[in-house]
Amino acid sequence: MVPGNRTAGPQPVPGPAAEPVGGAAEGRLMQIGEAAERVGLSIRTIRHYEDVGLIVPSARSDGGFRLYTAPDLDRLAVVKRMKPLGFSLDEMRDLLAVLDALDSAEGADRAALLDRLGMFHAAATARVGALRDQLAMAEGFADTLRDRLHQHGGRRT
């Protein structure tokens, strides 16, 4: 297991499931609905990410409800940002492991992790460029259709 990688699973916690809505302080526990709302993902998506091992809730309530912390939401945000760039689940898992391990790595291990992080950065940058190219092509197509519409007396948009 990579140091810092949280794959051991959630620990049950007694008492109320979550504090009242407020800031997402480091130790504050949120149920899945609040976590979903804060990150902008569906509850179903978060459960899927848990099923495939990308995110593990920090705890569970006595009643079995998933409980998330601010660092859990940070992990979900990383996954959410990787998805539109076409990263695979394995790549997402790998990047999360790199980010987790960087917190405590030293020496040659840290250098290797930074190299891997640099590769992810380069891949993300290349994918963003490809998306920009696709967007430019799509905008050009929409402009062509608008021009044809205007040319033939159609509505102006």
N, C-alpha and C. Protein backbone atom coordinates (compact mmCIF):
# COMPACT_ATOMS: atom_id res chain seq x y z
N MET A 1 0.84 -1.18 0.00
CA MET A 1 0.00 0.00 0.00
C MET A 1 0.88 1.24 0.00
N VAL A 2 0.51 2.24 -0.78
CA VAL A 2 1.26 3.48 -0.86
C VAL A 2 1.07 4.25 0.44
N PRO A 3 2.14 4.79 1.04
CA PRO A 3 1.99 5.54 2.28
C PRO A 3 0.99 6.68 2.08
N GLY A 4 0.09 6.83 3.04
CA GLY A 4 -0.88 7.91 2.96
C GLY A 4 -2.10 7.56 2.14
N ASN A 5 -2.09 6.43 1.43
CA ASN A 5 -3.24 6.05 0.61
C ASN A 5 -4.30 5.46 1.52
N ARG A 6 -5.48 6.03 1.48
CA ARG A 6 -6.53 5.61 2.39
C ARG A 6 -7.38 4.53 1.76
N THR A 7 -6.96 3.30 1.91
CA THR A 7 -7.75 2.20 1.38
C THR A 7 -8.21 1.25 2.47
N ALA A 8 -7.93 1.59 3.71
CA ALA A 8 -8.28 0.71 4.82
C ALA A 8 -9.78 0.67 5.07
N GLY A 9 -10.52 1.65 4.63
CA GLY A 9 -11.95 1.67 4.83
C GLY A 9 -12.35 2.60 5.96
N PRO A 10 -13.63 2.96 5.98
CA PRO A 10 -14.10 3.91 6.98
C PRO A 10 -14.22 3.28 8.35
N GLN A 11 -14.13 4.11 9.35
CA GLN A 11 -14.30 3.68 10.73
C GLN A 11 -15.63 4.22 11.24
N PRO A 12 -16.42 3.41 11.96
CA PRO A 12 -17.68 3.91 12.50
C PRO A 12 -17.43 4.97 13.56
N VAL A 13 -18.31 5.96 13.61
CA VAL A 13 -18.21 6.98 14.64
C VAL A 13 -19.55 7.09 15.34
N PRO A 14 -19.53 7.29 16.64
CA PRO A 14 -20.78 7.41 17.38
C PRO A 14 -21.37 8.80 17.23
N GLY A 15 -22.62 8.94 17.64
CA GLY A 15 -23.25 10.25 17.72
C GLY A 15 -23.89 10.68 16.42
N PRO A 16 -24.22 11.98 16.33
CA PRO A 16 -24.91 12.49 15.15
C PRO A 16 -24.10 12.27 13.89
N ALA A 17 -24.80 12.13 12.78
CA ALA A 17 -24.14 11.83 11.52
C ALA A 17 -23.30 12.98 11.00
N ALA A 18 -23.72 14.19 11.24
CA ALA A 18 -22.96 15.33 10.71
C ALA A 18 -23.28 16.56 11.54
N GLU A 19 -22.36 17.51 11.50
CA GLU A 19 -22.59 18.78 12.17
C GLU A 19 -23.55 19.61 11.33
N PRO A 20 -24.10 20.69 11.89
CA PRO A 20 -24.95 21.56 11.09
C PRO A 20 -24.18 22.12 9.90
N VAL A 21 -24.91 22.47 8.86
CA VAL A 21 -24.28 23.00 7.65
C VAL A 21 -23.48 24.24 8.00
N GLY A 22 -22.29 24.32 7.45
CA GLY A 22 -21.39 25.44 7.69
C GLY A 22 -20.16 25.24 6.83
N GLY A 23 -19.03 25.79 7.25
CA GLY A 23 -17.79 25.61 6.50
C GLY A 23 -17.34 24.17 6.56
N ALA A 24 -16.64 23.73 5.53
CA ALA A 24 -16.15 22.34 5.47
C ALA A 24 -14.80 22.26 6.15
N ALA A 25 -14.80 22.43 7.46
CA ALA A 25 -13.55 22.37 8.22
C ALA A 25 -12.95 20.98 8.10
N GLU A 26 -11.65 20.89 8.29
CA GLU A 26 -10.90 19.65 8.10
C GLU A 26 -11.55 18.45 8.77
N GLY A 27 -11.95 18.55 10.03
CA GLY A 27 -12.46 17.39 10.75
C GLY A 27 -13.97 17.23 10.71
N ARG A 28 -14.68 18.16 10.09
CA ARG A 28 -16.13 18.12 10.07
C ARG A 28 -16.61 16.98 9.18
N LEU A 29 -17.61 16.26 9.64
CA LEU A 29 -18.14 15.13 8.89
C LEU A 29 -19.44 15.52 8.19
N MET A 30 -19.56 15.13 6.94
CA MET A 30 -20.74 15.42 6.13
C MET A 30 -21.30 14.13 5.58
N GLN A 31 -22.61 14.04 5.54
CA GLN A 31 -23.23 12.90 4.90
C GLN A 31 -23.09 13.05 3.39
N ILE A 32 -23.37 11.98 2.67
CA ILE A 32 -23.11 11.92 1.24
C ILE A 32 -23.89 12.99 0.46
N GLY A 33 -25.10 13.31 0.90
CA GLY A 33 -25.88 14.33 0.19
C GLY A 33 -25.21 15.69 0.21
N GLU A 34 -24.71 16.08 1.38
CA GLU A 34 -24.01 17.35 1.48
C GLU A 34 -22.70 17.31 0.70
N ALA A 35 -22.00 16.20 0.79
CA ALA A 35 -20.74 16.06 0.03
C ALA A 35 -21.02 16.20 -1.46
N ALA A 36 -22.07 15.54 -1.93
CA ALA A 36 -22.43 15.59 -3.35
C ALA A 36 -22.73 17.03 -3.77
N GLU A 37 -23.50 17.73 -2.94
CA GLU A 37 -23.86 19.11 -3.26
C GLU A 37 -22.62 20.02 -3.29
N ARG A 38 -21.75 19.85 -2.32
CA ARG A 38 -20.55 20.71 -2.26
C ARG A 38 -19.61 20.49 -3.44
N VAL A 39 -19.49 19.24 -3.89
CA VAL A 39 -18.54 18.94 -4.97
C VAL A 39 -19.19 19.06 -6.34
N GLY A 40 -20.52 18.98 -6.39
CA GLY A 40 -21.20 19.07 -7.67
C GLY A 40 -21.27 17.73 -8.39
N LEU A 41 -21.36 16.65 -7.63
CA LEU A 41 -21.51 15.31 -8.19
C LEU A 41 -22.80 14.71 -7.64
N SER A 42 -23.32 13.72 -8.33
CA SER A 42 -24.51 13.05 -7.82
C SER A 42 -24.11 12.05 -6.73
N ILE A 43 -25.07 11.73 -5.89
CA ILE A 43 -24.84 10.72 -4.86
C ILE A 43 -24.47 9.40 -5.52
N ARG A 44 -25.15 9.08 -6.61
CA ARG A 44 -24.87 7.83 -7.34
C ARG A 44 -23.43 7.79 -7.82
N THR A 45 -22.94 8.91 -8.35
CA THR A 45 -21.56 8.98 -8.84
C THR A 45 -20.57 8.77 -7.69
N ILE A 46 -20.83 9.40 -6.56
CA ILE A 46 -19.93 9.24 -5.41
C ILE A 46 -19.92 7.78 -4.96
N ARG A 47 -21.09 7.15 -4.93
CA ARG A 47 -21.13 5.73 -4.55
C ARG A 47 -20.36 4.87 -5.55
N HIS A 48 -20.48 5.22 -6.84
CA HIS A 48 -19.72 4.48 -7.86
C HIS A 48 -18.22 4.64 -7.62
N TYR A 49 -17.78 5.86 -7.36
CA TYR A 49 -16.36 6.09 -7.11
C TYR A 49 -15.88 5.32 -5.88
N GLU A 50 -16.75 5.16 -4.90
CA GLU A 50 -16.40 4.34 -3.75
C GLU A 50 -16.30 2.87 -4.16
N ASP A 51 -17.27 2.40 -4.95
CA ASP A 51 -17.28 1.00 -5.39
C ASP A 51 -16.02 0.63 -6.17
N VAL A 52 -15.50 1.59 -6.97
CA VAL A 52 -14.31 1.29 -7.78
C VAL A 52 -13.01 1.67 -7.07
N GLY A 53 -13.12 2.12 -5.82
CA GLY A 53 -11.93 2.35 -5.02
C GLY A 53 -11.26 3.69 -5.17
N LEU A 54 -11.94 4.68 -5.73
CA LEU A 54 -11.33 6.00 -5.88
C LEU A 54 -11.45 6.84 -4.62
N ILE A 55 -12.51 6.64 -3.90
CA ILE A 55 -12.75 7.42 -2.68
C ILE A 55 -13.27 6.48 -1.61
N VAL A 56 -12.82 6.71 -0.40
CA VAL A 56 -13.31 5.94 0.74
C VAL A 56 -13.78 6.97 1.76
N PRO A 57 -15.05 6.91 2.17
CA PRO A 57 -15.49 7.87 3.18
C PRO A 57 -14.63 7.74 4.44
N SER A 58 -14.39 8.84 5.09
CA SER A 58 -13.54 8.83 6.29
C SER A 58 -14.15 8.05 7.42
N ALA A 59 -15.47 7.96 7.45
CA ALA A 59 -16.13 7.28 8.56
C ALA A 59 -17.52 6.87 8.14
N ARG A 60 -18.14 6.12 9.03
CA ARG A 60 -19.55 5.78 8.89
C ARG A 60 -20.21 6.04 10.23
N SER A 61 -21.44 6.49 10.18
CA SER A 61 -22.19 6.71 11.42
C SER A 61 -22.59 5.36 11.99
N ASP A 62 -23.11 5.38 13.21
CA ASP A 62 -23.61 4.15 13.82
C ASP A 62 -24.68 3.52 12.94
N GLY A 63 -25.43 4.35 12.23
CA GLY A 63 -26.48 3.87 11.35
C GLY A 63 -25.97 3.43 9.99
N GLY A 64 -24.67 3.53 9.75
CA GLY A 64 -24.10 3.07 8.49
C GLY A 64 -24.00 4.12 7.40
N PHE A 65 -24.35 5.38 7.71
CA PHE A 65 -24.27 6.43 6.70
C PHE A 65 -22.81 6.79 6.43
N ARG A 66 -22.50 7.00 5.15
CA ARG A 66 -21.16 7.43 4.77
C ARG A 66 -20.94 8.84 5.29
N LEU A 67 -19.74 9.09 5.82
CA LEU A 67 -19.39 10.41 6.33
C LEU A 67 -18.09 10.86 5.68
N TYR A 68 -18.10 12.09 5.18
CA TYR A 68 -16.97 12.62 4.41
C TYR A 68 -16.41 13.86 5.10
N THR A 69 -15.10 14.07 4.91
CA THR A 69 -14.40 15.25 5.42
C THR A 69 -13.96 16.11 4.24
N ALA A 70 -13.43 17.29 4.56
CA ALA A 70 -12.93 18.18 3.52
C ALA A 70 -11.87 17.50 2.64
N PRO A 71 -10.91 16.74 3.20
CA PRO A 71 -9.95 16.05 2.32
C PRO A 71 -10.64 15.04 1.38
N ASP A 72 -11.72 14.40 1.85
CA ASP A 72 -12.46 13.50 0.98
C ASP A 72 -13.05 14.27 -0.20
N LEU A 73 -13.56 15.47 0.09
CA LEU A 73 -14.13 16.31 -0.98
C LEU A 73 -13.05 16.75 -1.95
N ASP A 74 -11.85 17.01 -1.43
CA ASP A 74 -10.73 17.37 -2.30
C ASP A 74 -10.42 16.23 -3.27
N ARG A 75 -10.44 15.00 -2.77
CA ARG A 75 -10.21 13.82 -3.63
C ARG A 75 -11.30 13.72 -4.70
N LEU A 76 -12.54 13.92 -4.29
CA LEU A 76 -13.65 13.88 -5.25
C LEU A 76 -13.48 14.96 -6.31
N ALA A 77 -13.02 16.13 -5.91
CA ALA A 77 -12.82 17.23 -6.87
C ALA A 77 -11.74 16.87 -7.89
N VAL A 78 -10.68 16.20 -7.45
CA VAL A 78 -9.63 15.77 -8.38
C VAL A 78 -10.23 14.82 -9.42
N VAL A 79 -10.99 13.85 -8.95
CA VAL A 79 -11.61 12.88 -9.87
C VAL A 79 -12.56 13.59 -10.83
N LYS A 80 -13.36 14.50 -10.30
CA LYS A 80 -14.32 15.24 -11.13
C LYS A 80 -13.60 16.01 -12.24
N ARG A 81 -12.45 16.58 -11.92
CA ARG A 81 -11.70 17.36 -12.92
C ARG A 81 -10.99 16.47 -13.94
N MET A 82 -10.66 15.25 -13.55
CA MET A 82 -9.98 14.33 -14.47
C MET A 82 -10.94 13.73 -15.49
N LYS A 83 -12.19 13.54 -15.08
CA LYS A 83 -13.16 12.84 -15.92
C LYS A 83 -13.33 13.47 -17.31
N PRO A 84 -13.58 14.78 -17.41
CA PRO A 84 -13.78 15.35 -18.75
C PRO A 84 -12.52 15.30 -19.62
N LEU A 85 -11.38 15.04 -19.01
CA LEU A 85 -10.14 14.95 -19.77
C LEU A 85 -9.88 13.52 -20.24
N GLY A 86 -10.80 12.62 -19.93
CA GLY A 86 -10.70 11.26 -20.44
C GLY A 86 -9.74 10.35 -19.70
N PHE A 87 -9.36 10.71 -18.48
CA PHE A 87 -8.49 9.83 -17.71
C PHE A 87 -9.27 8.59 -17.30
N SER A 88 -8.61 7.45 -17.34
CA SER A 88 -9.24 6.19 -16.95
C SER A 88 -9.32 6.10 -15.42
N LEU A 89 -10.12 5.17 -14.94
CA LEU A 89 -10.22 4.95 -13.50
C LEU A 89 -8.86 4.57 -12.92
N ASP A 90 -8.09 3.76 -13.64
CA ASP A 90 -6.75 3.39 -13.17
C ASP A 90 -5.84 4.60 -13.08
N GLU A 91 -5.93 5.49 -14.07
CA GLU A 91 -5.11 6.71 -14.03
C GLU A 91 -5.54 7.61 -12.86
N MET A 92 -6.84 7.68 -12.63
CA MET A 92 -7.33 8.48 -11.50
C MET A 92 -6.80 7.91 -10.18
N ARG A 93 -6.88 6.59 -10.07
CA ARG A 93 -6.39 5.90 -8.87
C ARG A 93 -4.89 6.18 -8.68
N ASP A 94 -4.14 6.10 -9.77
CA ASP A 94 -2.70 6.32 -9.72
C ASP A 94 -2.38 7.75 -9.28
N LEU A 95 -3.06 8.73 -9.85
CA LEU A 95 -2.80 10.12 -9.47
C LEU A 95 -3.15 10.35 -8.00
N LEU A 96 -4.27 9.82 -7.55
CA LEU A 96 -4.63 9.98 -6.13
C LEU A 96 -3.57 9.35 -5.23
N ALA A 97 -3.03 8.21 -5.62
CA ALA A 97 -1.97 7.56 -4.84
C ALA A 97 -0.72 8.43 -4.81
N VAL A 98 -0.39 9.04 -5.95
CA VAL A 98 0.77 9.94 -6.01
C VAL A 98 0.55 11.12 -5.07
N LEU A 99 -0.62 11.74 -5.15
CA LEU A 99 -0.90 12.90 -4.30
C LEU A 99 -0.86 12.53 -2.82
N ASP A 100 -1.42 11.37 -2.48
CA ASP A 100 -1.39 10.91 -1.09
C ASP A 100 0.04 10.69 -0.62
N ALA A 101 0.84 10.03 -1.43
CA ALA A 101 2.19 9.67 -1.04
C ALA A 101 3.12 10.88 -0.96
N LEU A 102 2.87 11.90 -1.74
CA LEU A 102 3.72 13.09 -1.73
C LEU A 102 3.77 13.77 -0.37
N ASP A 103 2.70 13.65 0.39
CA ASP A 103 2.64 14.31 1.69
C ASP A 103 3.74 13.84 2.64
N SER A 104 4.17 12.60 2.50
CA SER A 104 5.15 12.07 3.45
C SER A 104 6.42 11.54 2.79
N ALA A 105 6.50 11.58 1.48
CA ALA A 105 7.66 11.03 0.77
C ALA A 105 8.89 11.92 0.93
N GLU A 106 10.05 11.27 0.91
CA GLU A 106 11.32 11.99 1.00
C GLU A 106 12.31 11.41 0.00
N GLY A 107 13.32 12.18 -0.30
CA GLY A 107 14.43 11.71 -1.10
C GLY A 107 14.04 11.22 -2.48
N ALA A 108 14.58 10.04 -2.85
CA ALA A 108 14.36 9.47 -4.18
C ALA A 108 12.89 9.14 -4.41
N ASP A 109 12.19 8.69 -3.36
CA ASP A 109 10.77 8.40 -3.51
C ASP A 109 10.00 9.66 -3.88
N ARG A 110 10.33 10.77 -3.24
CA ARG A 110 9.66 12.04 -3.52
C ARG A 110 9.95 12.48 -4.96
N ALA A 111 11.20 12.34 -5.38
CA ALA A 111 11.58 12.72 -6.75
C ALA A 111 10.81 11.89 -7.77
N ALA A 112 10.66 10.59 -7.52
CA ALA A 112 9.92 9.73 -8.44
C ALA A 112 8.45 10.12 -8.48
N LEU A 113 7.90 10.44 -7.34
CA LEU A 113 6.50 10.87 -7.29
C LEU A 113 6.30 12.19 -8.03
N LEU A 114 7.24 13.10 -7.86
CA LEU A 114 7.15 14.38 -8.57
C LEU A 114 7.26 14.18 -10.08
N ASP A 115 8.08 13.23 -10.51
CA ASP A 115 8.16 12.91 -11.94
C ASP A 115 6.81 12.40 -12.44
N ARG A 116 6.18 11.51 -11.68
CA ARG A 116 4.88 10.98 -12.07
C ARG A 116 3.83 12.10 -12.10
N LEU A 117 3.88 12.98 -11.11
CA LEU A 117 2.96 14.11 -11.09
C LEU A 117 3.19 15.00 -12.31
N GLY A 118 4.44 15.19 -12.67
CA GLY A 118 4.76 15.96 -13.87
C GLY A 118 4.20 15.32 -15.13
N MET A 119 4.23 13.99 -15.18
CA MET A 119 3.65 13.29 -16.35
C MET A 119 2.14 13.50 -16.40
N PHE A 120 1.49 13.47 -15.24
CA PHE A 120 0.05 13.74 -15.21
C PHE A 120 -0.24 15.17 -15.67
N HIS A 121 0.59 16.10 -15.22
CA HIS A 121 0.41 17.49 -15.63
C HIS A 121 0.54 17.62 -17.14
N ALA A 122 1.57 17.00 -17.70
CA ALA A 122 1.78 17.06 -19.16
C ALA A 122 0.60 16.44 -19.90
N ALA A 123 0.11 15.30 -19.42
CA ALA A 123 -1.04 14.64 -20.07
C ALA A 123 -2.28 15.52 -19.98
N ALA A 124 -2.52 16.11 -18.81
CA ALA A 124 -3.69 16.98 -18.65
C ALA A 124 -3.59 18.19 -19.57
N THR A 125 -2.41 18.78 -19.66
CA THR A 125 -2.21 19.94 -20.53
C THR A 125 -2.46 19.58 -21.99
N ALA A 126 -1.97 18.42 -22.41
CA ALA A 126 -2.18 17.98 -23.79
C ALA A 126 -3.66 17.74 -24.06
N ARG A 127 -4.35 17.14 -23.11
CA ARG A 127 -5.77 16.86 -23.29
C ARG A 127 -6.59 18.14 -23.31
N VAL A 128 -6.22 19.12 -22.51
CA VAL A 128 -6.89 20.41 -22.53
C VAL A 128 -6.69 21.05 -23.92
N GLY A 129 -5.49 20.97 -24.45
CA GLY A 129 -5.23 21.50 -25.79
C GLY A 129 -6.08 20.83 -26.85
N ALA A 130 -6.22 19.51 -26.76
CA ALA A 130 -7.05 18.78 -27.71
C ALA A 130 -8.52 19.20 -27.59
N LEU A 131 -8.97 19.41 -26.37
CA LEU A 131 -10.35 19.88 -26.17
C LEU A 131 -10.55 21.28 -26.74
N ARG A 132 -9.55 22.13 -26.58
CA ARG A 132 -9.64 23.49 -27.17
C ARG A 132 -9.74 23.40 -28.69
N ASP A 133 -8.95 22.51 -29.29
CA ASP A 133 -9.01 22.33 -30.74
C ASP A 133 -10.40 21.85 -31.16
N GLN A 134 -10.96 20.90 -30.41
CA GLN A 134 -12.30 20.40 -30.72
C GLN A 134 -13.34 21.50 -30.57
N LEU A 135 -13.20 22.30 -29.53
CA LEU A 135 -14.13 23.40 -29.31
C LEU A 135 -14.05 24.41 -30.45
N ALA A 136 -12.84 24.73 -30.88
CA ALA A 136 -12.67 25.67 -31.99
C ALA A 136 -13.33 25.12 -33.26
N MET A 137 -13.18 23.83 -33.50
CA MET A 137 -13.80 23.22 -34.66
C MET A 137 -15.33 23.26 -34.54
N ALA A 138 -15.84 22.97 -33.38
CA ALA A 138 -17.29 22.99 -33.16
C ALA A 138 -17.84 24.41 -33.30
N GLU A 139 -17.12 25.39 -32.76
CA GLU A 139 -17.56 26.78 -32.92
C GLU A 139 -17.55 27.20 -34.38
N GLY A 140 -16.53 26.76 -35.11
CA GLY A 140 -16.48 27.06 -36.55
C GLY A 140 -17.66 26.46 -37.29
N PHE A 141 -18.02 25.25 -36.95
CA PHE A 141 -19.17 24.60 -37.56
C PHE A 141 -20.46 25.35 -37.24
N ALA A 142 -20.64 25.74 -35.98
CA ALA A 142 -21.83 26.50 -35.58
C ALA A 142 -21.88 27.83 -36.32
N ASP A 143 -20.73 28.48 -36.48
CA ASP A 143 -20.68 29.74 -37.22
C ASP A 143 -21.07 29.54 -38.68
N THR A 144 -20.60 28.44 -39.28
CA THR A 144 -20.95 28.13 -40.67
C THR A 144 -22.46 27.94 -40.82
N LEU A 145 -23.05 27.22 -39.90
CA LEU A 145 -24.49 27.00 -39.94
C LEU A 145 -25.25 28.31 -39.76
N ARG A 146 -24.77 29.16 -38.84
CA ARG A 146 -25.41 30.48 -38.64
C ARG A 146 -25.33 31.30 -39.93
N ASP A 147 -24.16 31.29 -40.58
CA ASP A 147 -23.99 32.05 -41.82
C ASP A 147 -24.93 31.52 -42.90
N ARG A 148 -25.07 30.21 -43.02
CA ARG A 148 -25.98 29.62 -44.01
C ARG A 148 -27.42 30.00 -43.70
N LEU A 149 -27.76 29.98 -42.43
CA LEU A 149 -29.11 30.36 -42.02
C LEU A 149 -29.40 31.80 -42.42
N HIS A 150 -28.47 32.68 -42.13
CA HIS A 150 -28.63 34.09 -42.50
C HIS A 150 -28.67 34.26 -44.01
N GLN A 151 -27.84 33.53 -44.71
CA GLN A 151 -27.75 33.61 -46.18
C GLN A 151 -29.10 33.27 -46.82
N HIS A 152 -29.82 32.36 -46.20
CA HIS A 152 -31.10 31.91 -46.78
C HIS A 152 -32.30 32.55 -46.10
N GLY A 153 -32.05 33.65 -45.36
CA GLY A 153 -33.16 34.40 -44.77
C GLY A 153 -33.75 33.84 -43.51
N GLY A 154 -33.03 33.00 -42.87
CA GLY A 154 -33.53 32.41 -41.62
C GLY A 154 -33.40 33.38 -40.46
N ARG A 155 -33.87 32.95 -39.32
CA ARG A 155 -33.80 33.78 -38.11
C ARG A 155 -32.36 34.12 -37.75
N ARG A 156 -32.22 35.29 -37.20
CA ARG A 156 -30.90 35.72 -36.73
C ARG A 156 -30.75 35.29 -35.26
N THR A 157 -29.57 34.75 -34.94
CA THR A 157 -29.32 34.32 -33.54
C THR A 157 -28.11 35.00 -33.00
